[in-house]
PDB file of N, CA and C in Angstrom:
ATOM      1  N   UNK A   1       0.087  10.585  -5.746  1.00  0.00           N
ATOM      2  CA  UNK A   1       1.189  10.263  -5.911  1.00  0.00           C
ATOM      3  C   UNK A   1       1.829  10.938  -7.067  1.00  0.00           C
ATOM      4  N   UNK A   2       2.108  12.314  -7.148  1.00  0.00           N
ATOM      5  CA  UNK A   2       2.468  13.090  -8.596  1.00  0.00           C
ATOM      6  C   UNK A   2       4.077  12.526  -8.537  1.00  0.00           C
ATOM      7  N   UNK A   3       4.224  12.147 -10.043  1.00  0.00           N
ATOM      8  CA  UNK A   3       5.445  11.534 -10.376  1.00  0.00           C
ATOM      9  C   UNK A   3       6.701  13.422 -10.929  1.00  0.00           C
ATOM     10  N   UNK A   4       7.624  12.639  -9.925  1.00  0.00           N
ATOM     11  CA  UNK A   4       8.734  14.020  -9.898  1.00  0.00           C
ATOM     12  C   UNK A   4      10.374  12.999 -10.314  1.00  0.00           C
ATOM     13  N   UNK A   5      10.377  13.882 -11.739  1.00  0.00           N
ATOM     14  CA  UNK A   5      11.855  13.413 -12.745  1.00  0.00           C
ATOM     15  C   UNK A   5      12.969  13.960 -11.945  1.00  0.00           C
ATOM     16  N   UNK A   6      13.019  14.473 -10.954  1.00  0.00           N
ATOM     17  CA  UNK A   6      14.399  15.352 -10.133  1.00  0.00           C
ATOM     18  C   UNK A   6      14.464  14.252  -9.401  1.00  0.00           C
ATOM     19  N   UNK A   7      13.819  13.577  -8.194  1.00  0.00           N
ATOM     20  CA  UNK A   7      13.601  12.464  -7.553  1.00  0.00           C
ATOM     21  C   UNK A   7      13.550  11.454  -8.136  1.00  0.00           C
ATOM     22  N   UNK A   8      13.746  11.334  -9.209  1.00  0.00           N
ATOM     23  CA  UNK A   8      13.887   9.202 -10.096  1.00  0.00           C
ATOM     24  C   UNK A   8      14.781   9.644 -10.362  1.00  0.00           C
ATOM     25  N   UNK A   9      15.423  10.858 -10.860  1.00  0.00           N
ATOM     26  CA  UNK A   9      17.079  10.880 -11.664  1.00  0.00           C
ATOM     27  C   UNK A   9      17.885  10.278 -10.198  1.00  0.00           C
ATOM     28  N   UNK A  10      17.402  10.850  -8.971  1.00  0.00           N
ATOM     29  CA  UNK A  10      18.734  10.710  -8.077  1.00  0.00           C
ATOM     30  C   UNK A  10      18.469   8.594  -8.215  1.00  0.00           C
ATOM     31  N   UNK A  11      17.932   7.946  -8.329  1.00  0.00           N
ATOM     32  CA  UNK A  11      17.435   6.997  -8.036  1.00  0.00           C
ATOM     33  C   UNK A  11      18.004   6.078  -9.237  1.00  0.00           C
ATOM     34  N   UNK A  12      17.844   6.363 -10.254  1.00  0.00           N
ATOM     35  CA  UNK A  12      18.100   5.764 -11.513  1.00  0.00           C
ATOM     36  C   UNK A  12      19.821   6.002 -11.356  1.00  0.00           C
ATOM     37  N   UNK A  13      20.413   6.936 -10.986  1.00  0.00           N
ATOM     38  CA  UNK A  13      21.783   7.281 -10.374  1.00  0.00           C
ATOM     39  C   UNK A  13      22.211   6.208  -9.645  1.00  0.00           C
ATOM     40  N   UNK A  14      21.306   5.886  -8.482  1.00  0.00           N
ATOM     41  CA  UNK A  14      22.280   5.014  -7.345  1.00  0.00           C
ATOM     42  C   UNK A  14      22.119   3.888  -8.235  1.00  0.00           C
ATOM     43  N   UNK A  15      20.910   3.350  -9.163  1.00  0.00           N
ATOM     44  CA  UNK A  15      20.683   1.646  -9.908  1.00  0.00           C
ATOM     45  C   UNK A  15      21.394   1.555 -10.461  1.00  0.00           C
ATOM     46  N   UNK A  16      22.566   2.966 -11.208  1.00  0.00           N
ATOM     47  CA  UNK A  16      22.848   2.472 -12.926  1.00  0.00           C
ATOM     48  C   UNK A  16      23.829   0.976 -12.801  1.00  0.00           C
ATOM     49  N   UNK A  17      24.881   1.156 -11.542  1.00  0.00           N
ATOM     50  CA  UNK A  17      25.241  -0.525 -12.238  1.00  0.00           C
ATOM     51  C   UNK A  17      24.594  -1.538 -11.653  1.00  0.00           C
ATOM     52  N   UNK A  18      23.620  -1.916 -11.487  1.00  0.00           N
ATOM     53  CA  UNK A  18      23.023  -2.902 -11.329  1.00  0.00           C
ATOM     54  C   UNK A  18      22.258  -3.932 -13.066  1.00  0.00           C
ATOM     55  N   UNK A  19      21.974  -4.375 -12.363  1.00  0.00           N
ATOM     56  CA  UNK A  19      21.662  -5.363 -14.064  1.00  0.00           C
ATOM     57  C   UNK A  19      20.210  -6.353 -12.838  1.00  0.00           C
ATOM     58  N   UNK A  20      19.519  -5.978 -14.254  1.00  0.00           N
ATOM     59  CA  UNK A  20      18.144  -6.317 -14.138  1.00  0.00           C
ATOM     60  C   UNK A  20      17.367  -5.443 -13.181  1.00  0.00           C
ATOM     61  N   UNK A  21      17.653  -3.836 -13.532  1.00  0.00           N
ATOM     62  CA  UNK A  21      16.839  -2.495 -12.979  1.00  0.00           C
ATOM     63  C   UNK A  21      15.582  -2.561 -14.369  1.00  0.00           C
ATOM     64  N   UNK A  22      14.023  -2.185 -13.525  1.00  0.00           N
ATOM     65  CA  UNK A  22      13.285  -1.663 -14.695  1.00  0.00           C
ATOM     66  C   UNK A  22      12.418  -0.169 -13.964  1.00  0.00           C
ATOM     67  N   UNK A  23      11.718   0.555 -14.582  1.00  0.00           N
ATOM     68  CA  UNK A  23      11.430   1.443 -13.980  1.00  0.00           C
ATOM     69  C   UNK A  23       9.847   1.121 -14.175  1.00  0.00           C
ATOM     70  N   UNK A  24       8.690   1.263 -13.364  1.00  0.00           N
ATOM     71  CA  UNK A  24       7.061   1.264 -13.653  1.00  0.00           C
ATOM     72  C   UNK A  24       6.803   2.381 -13.515  1.00  0.00           C
ATOM     73  N   UNK A  25       5.790   3.290 -14.133  1.00  0.00           N
ATOM     74  CA  UNK A  25       4.936   3.557 -13.288  1.00  0.00           C
ATOM     75  C   UNK A  25       3.862   3.686 -12.435  1.00  0.00           C
ATOM     76  N   UNK A  26       3.562   3.170 -10.783  1.00  0.00           N
ATOM     77  CA  UNK A  26       2.396   3.375 -10.553  1.00  0.00           C
ATOM     78  C   UNK A  26       2.127   3.809  -9.531  1.00  0.00           C
ATOM     79  N   UNK A  27       1.097   4.069  -8.557  1.00  0.00           N
ATOM     80  CA  UNK A  27       0.291   4.967  -8.078  1.00  0.00           C
ATOM     81  C   UNK A  27       0.565   6.011  -8.669  1.00  0.00           C
ATOM     82  N   UNK A  28       0.754   6.762  -9.553  1.00  0.00           N
ATOM     83  CA  UNK A  28       1.014   8.190  -9.443  1.00  0.00           C
ATOM     84  C   UNK A  28       2.293   8.168  -9.841  1.00  0.00           C
ATOM     85  N   UNK A  29       3.910   7.782  -9.199  1.00  0.00           N
ATOM     86  CA  UNK A  29       4.927   7.567  -9.339  1.00  0.00           C
ATOM     87  C   UNK A  29       4.849   6.769  -9.742  1.00  0.00           C
ATOM     88  N   UNK A  30       6.291   6.777  -9.768  1.00  0.00           N
ATOM     89  CA  UNK A  30       7.667   6.134 -10.903  1.00  0.00           C
ATOM     90  C   UNK A  30       8.028   4.570  -9.314  1.00  0.00           C
ATOM     91  N   UNK A  31       7.954   3.741  -9.754  1.00  0.00           N
ATOM     92  CA  UNK A  31       8.776   2.571  -9.030  1.00  0.00           C
ATOM     93  C   UNK A  31       9.971   1.973  -9.599  1.00  0.00           C
ATOM     94  N   UNK A  32      10.978   1.853  -9.269  1.00  0.00           N
ATOM     95  CA  UNK A  32      12.296   0.443  -9.735  1.00  0.00           C
ATOM     96  C   UNK A  32      11.946  -1.073  -9.379  1.00  0.00           C
ATOM     97  N   UNK A  33      12.523  -1.443 -10.213  1.00  0.00           N
ATOM     98  CA  UNK A  33      12.244  -2.622  -9.529  1.00  0.00           C
ATOM     99  C   UNK A  33      13.308  -3.290 -10.003  1.00  0.00           C
ATOM    100  N   UNK A  34      14.352  -4.429  -9.292  1.00  0.00           N
ATOM    101  CA  UNK A  34      14.906  -5.538 -10.054  1.00  0.00           C
ATOM    102  C   UNK A  34      14.604  -6.732  -9.918  1.00  0.00           C
ATOM    103  N   UNK A  35      14.307  -7.420 -10.972  1.00  0.00           N
ATOM    104  CA  UNK A  35      13.938  -8.419 -11.942  1.00  0.00           C
ATOM    105  C   UNK A  35      12.707  -8.536 -11.121  1.00  0.00           C
ATOM    106  N   UNK A  36      11.590  -7.885 -11.235  1.00  0.00           N
ATOM    107  CA  UNK A  36      10.400  -7.125 -11.289  1.00  0.00           C
ATOM    108  C   UNK A  36      10.207  -7.229  -9.837  1.00  0.00           C
ATOM    109  N   UNK A  37      11.136  -7.196  -8.822  1.00  0.00           N
ATOM    110  CA  UNK A  37      10.646  -6.430  -7.404  1.00  0.00           C
ATOM    111  C   UNK A  37      10.905  -5.717  -6.961  1.00  0.00           C
ATOM    112  N   UNK A  38      10.306  -4.850  -6.807  1.00  0.00           N
ATOM    113  CA  UNK A  38      10.019  -3.490  -5.902  1.00  0.00           C
ATOM    114  C   UNK A  38      11.521  -2.974  -5.116  1.00  0.00           C
ATOM    115  N   UNK A  39      11.626  -2.345  -5.391  1.00  0.00           N
ATOM    116  CA  UNK A  39      13.239  -1.510  -4.884  1.00  0.00           C
ATOM    117  C   UNK A  39      12.217  -0.473  -4.018  1.00  0.00           C
ATOM    118  N   UNK A  40      11.920  -0.137  -4.488  1.00  0.00           N
ATOM    119  CA  UNK A  40      11.300   1.566  -4.279  1.00  0.00           C
ATOM    120  C   UNK A  40      10.648   2.564  -5.138  1.00  0.00           C
ATOM    121  N   UNK A  41      10.364   3.470  -4.728  1.00  0.00           N
ATOM    122  CA  UNK A  41      10.154   4.722  -6.197  1.00  0.00           C
ATOM    123  C   UNK A  41      10.078   6.235  -5.446  1.00  0.00           C
ATOM    124  N   UNK A  42       9.642   7.036  -5.818  1.00  0.00           N
ATOM    125  CA  UNK A  42       9.966   8.696  -5.722  1.00  0.00           C
ATOM    126  C   UNK A  42       8.766   9.240  -6.229  1.00  0.00           C
ATOM    127  N   UNK A  43       8.639  10.228  -5.673  1.00  0.00           N
ATOM    128  CA  UNK A  43       7.031  11.089  -5.679  1.00  0.00           C
ATOM    129  C   UNK A  43       7.185  12.167  -4.928  1.00  0.00           C
ATOM    130  N   UNK A  44       5.945  12.944  -5.595  1.00  0.00           N
ATOM    131  CA  UNK A  44       5.752  14.541  -4.137  1.00  0.00           C
ATOM    132  C   UNK A  44       3.958  14.137  -3.646  1.00  0.00           C
ATOM    133  N   UNK A  45       4.047  14.222  -3.135  1.00  0.00           N
ATOM    134  CA  UNK A  45       2.275  13.728  -2.211  1.00  0.00           C
ATOM    135  C   UNK A  45       2.094  15.321  -3.017  1.00  0.00           C
ATOM    136  N   UNK A  46       0.254  15.325  -2.211  1.00  0.00           N
ATOM    137  CA  UNK A  46      -0.749  16.200  -2.826  1.00  0.00           C
ATOM    138  C   UNK A  46      -0.050  17.684  -2.757  1.00  0.00           C
ATOM    139  N   UNK A  47       0.792  17.721  -1.440  1.00  0.00           N
ATOM    140  CA  UNK A  47       1.167  19.099  -0.690  1.00  0.00           C
ATOM    141  C   UNK A  47       2.652  19.361  -1.288  1.00  0.00           C
ATOM    142  N   UNK A  48       2.855  18.852  -2.427  1.00  0.00           N
ATOM    143  CA  UNK A  48       4.082  19.359  -3.264  1.00  0.00           C
ATOM    144  C   UNK A  48       5.385  19.035  -2.132  1.00  0.00           C
ATOM    145  N   UNK A  49       5.431  17.879  -1.196  1.00  0.00           N
ATOM    146  CA  UNK A  49       6.977  17.298  -0.390  1.00  0.00           C
ATOM    147  C   UNK A  49       6.852  16.084  -1.159  1.00  0.00           C
ATOM    148  N   UNK A  50       8.649  16.397  -1.517  1.00  0.00           N
ATOM    149  CA  UNK A  50       8.864  15.113  -2.302  1.00  0.00           C
ATOM    150  C   UNK A  50       9.717  13.762  -0.997  1.00  0.00           C
ATOM    151  N   UNK A  51       9.210  12.787  -1.546  1.00  0.00           N
ATOM    152  CA  UNK A  51       9.902  11.802  -0.902  1.00  0.00           C
ATOM    153  C   UNK A  51      10.183  10.657  -1.777  1.00  0.00           C
ATOM    154  N   UNK A  52      10.674   9.576  -0.729  1.00  0.00           N
ATOM    155  CA  UNK A  52      11.281   8.513  -1.286  1.00  0.00           C
ATOM    156  C   UNK A  52      10.499   7.577  -0.810  1.00  0.00           C
ATOM    157  N   UNK A  53      10.169   6.674  -1.509  1.00  0.00           N
ATOM    158  CA  UNK A  53       9.931   5.032  -0.992  1.00  0.00           C
ATOM    159  C   UNK A  53      11.040   3.385  -1.291  1.00  0.00           C
ATOM    160  N   UNK A  54      11.074   3.072  -0.427  1.00  0.00           N
ATOM    161  CA  UNK A  54      12.083   2.109   0.029  1.00  0.00           C
ATOM    162  C   UNK A  54      11.816   0.717   0.544  1.00  0.00           C
ATOM    163  N   UNK A  55      11.691  -0.090   0.266  1.00  0.00           N
ATOM    164  CA  UNK A  55      10.575  -1.700   0.622  1.00  0.00           C
ATOM    165  C   UNK A  55      12.423  -2.124   0.946  1.00  0.00           C
ATOM    166  N   UNK A  56      12.266  -2.276   2.293  1.00  0.00           N
ATOM    167  CA  UNK A  56      13.570  -2.849   3.386  1.00  0.00           C
ATOM    168  C   UNK A  56      12.971  -4.238   3.928  1.00  0.00           C
ATOM    169  N   UNK A  57      11.843  -4.635   3.461  1.00  0.00           N
ATOM    170  CA  UNK A  57      10.922  -5.937   4.044  1.00  0.00           C
ATOM    171  C   UNK A  57      11.095  -5.883   5.933  1.00  0.00           C
ATOM    172  N   UNK A  58      10.359  -6.619   5.838  1.00  0.00           N
ATOM    173  CA  UNK A  58       9.646  -6.570   7.545  1.00  0.00           C
ATOM    174  C   UNK A  58      10.664  -6.428   8.623  1.00  0.00           C
ATOM    175  N   UNK A  59      11.191  -7.524   8.530  1.00  0.00           N
ATOM    176  CA  UNK A  59      12.508  -7.821   9.360  1.00  0.00           C
ATOM    177  C   UNK A  59      13.804  -6.633   9.846  1.00  0.00           C
ATOM    178  N   UNK A  60      13.706  -5.803   9.068  1.00  0.00           N
ATOM    179  CA  UNK A  60      14.119  -4.476   8.522  1.00  0.00           C
ATOM    180  C   UNK A  60      13.897  -3.149   8.739  1.00  0.00           C
ATOM    181  N   UNK A  61      12.605  -2.858   9.257  1.00  0.00           N
ATOM    182  CA  UNK A  61      11.399  -2.582   9.139  1.00  0.00           C
ATOM    183  C   UNK A  61      11.935  -1.117  10.629  1.00  0.00           C
ATOM    184  N   UNK A  62      12.698  -2.462  11.899  1.00  0.00           N
ATOM    185  CA  UNK A  62      12.222  -1.035  13.125  1.00  0.00           C
ATOM    186  C   UNK A  62      13.715  -0.500  13.126  1.00  0.00           C
ATOM    187  N   UNK A  63      14.387  -0.957  12.299  1.00  0.00           N
ATOM    188  CA  UNK A  63      15.837  -0.007  12.086  1.00  0.00           C
ATOM    189  C   UNK A  63      15.840   0.787  10.883  1.00  0.00           C
ATOM    190  N   UNK A  64      14.542   0.496   9.885  1.00  0.00           N
ATOM    191  CA  UNK A  64      14.479   1.923   9.446  1.00  0.00           C
ATOM    192  C   UNK A  64      13.642   2.536   9.735  1.00  0.00           C
ATOM    193  N   UNK A  65      12.869   2.212  10.706  1.00  0.00           N
ATOM    194  CA  UNK A  65      12.107   3.404  11.067  1.00  0.00           C
ATOM    195  C   UNK A  65      13.046   4.441  12.224  1.00  0.00           C
ATOM    196  N   UNK A  66      13.896   4.209  12.725  1.00  0.00           N
ATOM    197  CA  UNK A  66      15.027   4.635  13.723  1.00  0.00           C
ATOM    198  C   UNK A  66      15.329   6.087  12.554  1.00  0.00           C
ATOM    199  N   UNK A  67      15.773   5.517  11.356  1.00  0.00           N
ATOM    200  CA  UNK A  67      16.723   6.775  10.700  1.00  0.00           C
ATOM    201  C   UNK A  67      15.834   7.988  10.582  1.00  0.00           C
ATOM    202  N   UNK A  68      16.377   8.958  10.484  1.00  0.00           N
ATOM    203  CA  UNK A  68      15.387  10.096  10.092  1.00  0.00           C
ATOM    204  C   UNK A  68      14.436  10.459   9.421  1.00  0.00           C
ATOM    205  N   UNK A  69      13.584  10.652   9.725  1.00  0.00           N
ATOM    206  CA  UNK A  69      12.916  10.728   8.987  1.00  0.00           C
ATOM    207  C   UNK A  69      11.604   9.582   7.698  1.00  0.00           C
ATOM    208  N   UNK A  70      12.097   9.154   8.833  1.00  0.00           N
ATOM    209  CA  UNK A  70      11.692   7.556   7.847  1.00  0.00           C
ATOM    210  C   UNK A  70      10.121   7.288   8.581  1.00  0.00           C
ATOM    211  N   UNK A  71       8.844   6.750   7.702  1.00  0.00           N
ATOM    212  CA  UNK A  71       7.784   6.297   8.322  1.00  0.00           C
ATOM    213  C   UNK A  71       7.136   5.338   7.396  1.00  0.00           C
ATOM    214  N   UNK A  72       6.344   4.340   8.023  1.00  0.00           N
ATOM    215  CA  UNK A  72       5.724   3.040   7.505  1.00  0.00           C
ATOM    216  C   UNK A  72       4.857   3.972   6.333  1.00  0.00           C
ATOM    217  N   UNK A  73       4.899   3.468   5.017  1.00  0.00           N
ATOM    218  CA  UNK A  73       4.131   3.674   4.002  1.00  0.00           C
ATOM    219  C   UNK A  73       2.149   3.095   4.602  1.00  0.00           C
ATOM    220  N   UNK A  74       1.386   4.435   4.062  1.00  0.00           N
ATOM    221  CA  UNK A  74       0.305   3.342   4.166  1.00  0.00           C
ATOM    222  C   UNK A  74      -0.786   3.471   2.652  1.00  0.00           C
ATOM    223  N   UNK A  75      -1.124   2.673   2.375  1.00  0.00           N
ATOM    224  CA  UNK A  75      -1.872   2.751   1.264  1.00  0.00           C
ATOM    225  C   UNK A  75      -3.868   2.580   1.518  1.00  0.00           C
ATOM    226  N   UNK A  76      -4.492   3.708   1.344  1.00  0.00           N
ATOM    227  CA  UNK A  76      -5.459   3.007   1.680  1.00  0.00           C
ATOM    228  C   UNK A  76      -5.978   2.767   2.308  1.00  0.00           C
ATOM    229  N   UNK A  77      -5.246   3.421   3.312  1.00  0.00           N
ATOM    230  CA  UNK A  77      -5.777   3.661   4.895  1.00  0.00           C
ATOM    231  C   UNK A  77      -4.797   2.163   5.778  1.00  0.00           C
ATOM    232  N   UNK A  78      -4.537   1.344   4.768  1.00  0.00           N
ATOM    233  CA  UNK A  78      -3.541   0.362   5.379  1.00  0.00           C
ATOM    234  C   UNK A  78      -2.725   0.035   5.276  1.00  0.00           C
ATOM    235  N   UNK A  79      -1.803  -0.161   6.952  1.00  0.00           N
ATOM    236  CA  UNK A  79       0.004   0.179   6.750  1.00  0.00           C
ATOM    237  C   UNK A  79       0.419  -1.278   5.540  1.00  0.00           C
ATOM    238  N   UNK A  80       1.517  -0.724   5.002  1.00  0.00           N
ATOM    239  CA  UNK A  80       1.818  -1.960   4.468  1.00  0.00           C
ATOM    240  C   UNK A  80       3.547  -2.359   4.732  1.00  0.00           C
ATOM    241  N   UNK A  81       3.712  -3.129   6.466  1.00  0.00           N
ATOM    242  CA  UNK A  81       4.889  -2.898   6.300  1.00  0.00           C
ATOM    243  C   UNK A  81       6.044  -3.358   5.532  1.00  0.00           C
ATOM    244  N   UNK A  82       6.990  -3.175   5.818  1.00  0.00           N
ATOM    245  CA  UNK A  82       8.276  -3.476   5.188  1.00  0.00           C
ATOM    246  C   UNK A  82       8.558  -2.132   4.340  1.00  0.00           C
ATOM    247  N   UNK A  83       7.785  -1.680   4.137  1.00  0.00           N
ATOM    248  CA  UNK A  83       7.611   0.084   2.967  1.00  0.00           C
ATOM    249  C   UNK A  83       7.738   1.262   3.794  1.00  0.00           C
ATOM    250  N   UNK A  84       8.703   1.787   3.549  1.00  0.00           N
ATOM    251  CA  UNK A  84       8.940   2.633   4.252  1.00  0.00           C
ATOM    252  C   UNK A  84       9.271   4.484   3.093  1.00  0.00           C
ATOM    253  N   UNK A  85       8.623   5.212   3.787  1.00  0.00           N
ATOM    254  CA  UNK A  85       8.847   6.430   3.478  1.00  0.00           C
ATOM    255  C   UNK A  85       9.789   7.499   3.936  1.00  0.00           C
ATOM    256  N   UNK A  86      10.538   8.392   2.709  1.00  0.00           N
ATOM    257  CA  UNK A  86      11.250   8.591   3.493  1.00  0.00           C
ATOM    258  C   UNK A  86      11.552  10.660   2.992  1.00  0.00           C
ATOM    259  N   UNK A  87      11.456  10.985   3.755  1.00  0.00           N
ATOM    260  CA  UNK A  87      11.276  12.901   3.088  1.00  0.00           C
ATOM    261  C   UNK A  87      12.282  13.000   2.406  1.00  0.00           C
ATOM    262  N   UNK A  88      12.106  13.727   1.196  1.00  0.00           N
ATOM    263  CA  UNK A  88      13.251  14.214   0.893  1.00  0.00           C
ATOM    264  C   UNK A  88      14.219  14.950   1.125  1.00  0.00           C
ATOM    265  N   UNK A  89      13.349  15.973   2.224  1.00  0.00           N
ATOM    266  CA  UNK A  89      14.485  16.471   2.937  1.00  0.00           C
ATOM    267  C   UNK A  89      15.687  15.990   4.211  1.00  0.00           C
ATOM    268  N   UNK A  90      15.196  14.564   4.319  1.00  0.00           N
ATOM    269  CA  UNK A  90      16.002  13.968   4.657  1.00  0.00           C
ATOM    270  C   UNK A  90      16.984  12.864   4.101  1.00  0.00           C
ATOM    271  N   UNK A  91      17.402  13.025   3.251  1.00  0.00           N
ATOM    272  CA  UNK A  91      17.942  11.804   2.192  1.00  0.00           C
ATOM    273  C   UNK A  91      18.904  12.526   1.332  1.00  0.00           C
ATOM    274  N   UNK A  92      19.892  13.068   1.967  1.00  0.00           N
ATOM    275  CA  UNK A  92      21.275  13.866   1.433  1.00  0.00           C
ATOM    276  C   UNK A  92      21.741  12.678   0.577  1.00  0.00           C
ATOM    277  N   UNK A  93      22.963  12.913   0.423  1.00  0.00           N
ATOM    278  CA  UNK A  93      23.604  11.961  -0.570  1.00  0.00           C
ATOM    279  C   UNK A  93      23.720  10.418   0.416  1.00  0.00           C
ATOM    280  N   UNK A  94      24.686  10.818   1.396  1.00  0.00           N
ATOM    281  CA  UNK A  94      24.882   9.691   2.142  1.00  0.00           C
ATOM    282  C   UNK A  94      23.589   8.464   2.499  1.00  0.00           C
ATOM    283  N   UNK A  95      22.754   9.489   3.257  1.00  0.00           N
ATOM    284  CA  UNK A  95      21.537   8.968   4.028  1.00  0.00           C
ATOM    285  C   UNK A  95      20.574   8.139   2.788  1.00  0.00           C
ATOM    286  N   UNK A  96      20.596   8.937   0.848  1.00  0.00           N
ATOM    287  CA  UNK A  96      20.010   7.879   0.270  1.00  0.00           C
ATOM    288  C   UNK A  96      20.832   6.379  -0.104  1.00  0.00           C
ATOM    289  N   UNK A  97      21.707   6.858  -0.024  1.00  0.00           N
ATOM    290  CA  UNK A  97      22.992   5.682  -0.626  1.00  0.00           C
ATOM    291  C   UNK A  97      22.710   4.381   0.527  1.00  0.00           C
ATOM    292  N   UNK A  98      22.778   4.854   1.315  1.00  0.00           N
ATOM    293  CA  UNK A  98      22.293   4.028   2.475  1.00  0.00           C
ATOM    294  C   UNK A  98      20.527   3.167   2.787  1.00  0.00           C
ATOM    295  N   UNK A  99      19.668   3.658   2.403  1.00  0.00           N
ATOM    296  CA  UNK A  99      18.501   3.802   2.080  1.00  0.00           C
ATOM    297  C   UNK A  99      18.518   2.503   0.921  1.00  0.00           C
ATOM    298  N   UNK A 100      19.486   3.273  -0.416  1.00  0.00           N
ATOM    299  CA  UNK A 100      19.088   1.931  -1.457  1.00  0.00           C
ATOM    300  C   UNK A 100      19.920   0.550  -1.232  1.00  0.00           C
ATOM    301  N   UNK A 101      20.671   0.770  -0.542  1.00  0.00           N
ATOM    302  CA  UNK A 101      21.632  -0.686  -0.189  1.00  0.00           C
ATOM    303  C   UNK A 101      20.791  -1.032   0.515  1.00  0.00           C
ATOM    304  N   UNK A 102      20.139  -0.965   1.409  1.00  0.00           N
ATOM    305  CA  UNK A 102      19.297  -1.311   2.516  1.00  0.00           C
ATOM    306  C   UNK A 102      18.184  -2.149   1.916  1.00  0.00           C
ATOM    307  N   UNK A 103      16.967  -1.358   1.313  1.00  0.00           N
ATOM    308  CA  UNK A 103      16.528  -1.978  -0.196  1.00  0.00           C
ATOM    309  C   UNK A 103      16.735  -3.024  -0.591  1.00  0.00           C
ATOM    310  N   UNK A 104      18.048  -2.740  -1.285  1.00  0.00           N
ATOM    311  CA  UNK A 104      18.411  -3.303  -2.134  1.00  0.00           C
ATOM    312  C   UNK A 104      19.166  -5.236  -1.882  1.00  0.00           C
ATOM    313  N   UNK A 105      19.764  -4.958  -0.292  1.00  0.00           N
ATOM    314  CA  UNK A 105      19.788  -5.863   0.353  1.00  0.00           C
ATOM    315  C   UNK A 105      18.684  -6.960   0.093  1.00  0.00           C
ATOM    316  N   UNK A 106      17.526  -6.369   0.866  1.00  0.00           N
ATOM    317  CA  UNK A 106      16.510  -6.877   1.266  1.00  0.00           C
ATOM    318  C   UNK A 106      15.704  -7.873  -0.427  1.00  0.00           C
ATOM    319  N   UNK A 107      15.849  -6.756  -1.248  1.00  0.00           N
ATOM    320  CA  UNK A 107      15.024  -7.150  -2.387  1.00  0.00           C
ATOM    321  C   UNK A 107      15.895  -8.425  -3.213  1.00  0.00           C
ATOM    322  N   UNK A 108      17.022  -8.286  -3.211  1.00  0.00           N
ATOM    323  CA  UNK A 108      18.372  -9.257  -3.694  1.00  0.00           C
ATOM    324  C   UNK A 108      17.717 -10.846  -2.906  1.00  0.00           C
ATOM    325  N   UNK A 109      17.166 -10.482  -2.113  1.00  0.00           N
ATOM    326  CA  UNK A 109      16.720 -11.961  -1.332  1.00  0.00           C
ATOM    327  C   UNK A 109      15.692 -12.794  -1.978  1.00  0.00           C
ATOM    328  N   UNK A 110      14.812 -12.322  -3.282  1.00  0.00           N
ATOM    329  CA  UNK A 110      13.882 -12.260  -3.456  1.00  0.00           C
ATOM    330  C   UNK A 110      13.966 -13.011  -4.455  1.00  0.00           C
ATOM    331  N   UNK A 111      12.941 -14.333  -4.886  1.00  0.00           N
ATOM    332  CA  UNK A 111      13.245 -14.604  -6.870  1.00  0.00           C
ATOM    333  C   UNK A 111      12.427 -13.930  -7.291  1.00  0.00           C
ATOM    334  N   UNK A 112      13.460 -14.148  -8.944  1.00  0.00           N
ATOM    335  CA  UNK A 112      12.449 -13.350  -9.944  1.00  0.00           C
ATOM    336  C   UNK A 112      11.322 -13.228 -10.327  1.00  0.00           C
ATOM    337  N   UNK A 113      10.818 -12.425 -10.756  1.00  0.00           N
ATOM    338  CA  UNK A 113       9.738 -12.957 -11.133  1.00  0.00           C
ATOM    339  C   UNK A 113       9.774 -12.365 -12.068  1.00  0.00           C
TER     340      UNK A 113
END
């Protein structure tokens, strides 16, 4: 995964009013955390396609997968339940805000690290 500043900036803007946000380089991209728990991230595939990652939790996975451009994250050939990739093309401003809200709703239920 390649780091993409333009995509990361969209996450930063969406999270700027939240306390407890940090950033961490992971898996060649950048991830955003709330009190140490991953919310999601942004990167580009090897083919150059921009995408966002949202941690929505397993209980929200079915709803998340019903949204345009959503697919379950796979890492090392393993399905990562509750983590959803969404292509940049399916994340206009309204859709992106909805994804961030869904991810924050889940991550807020987790204890701080």
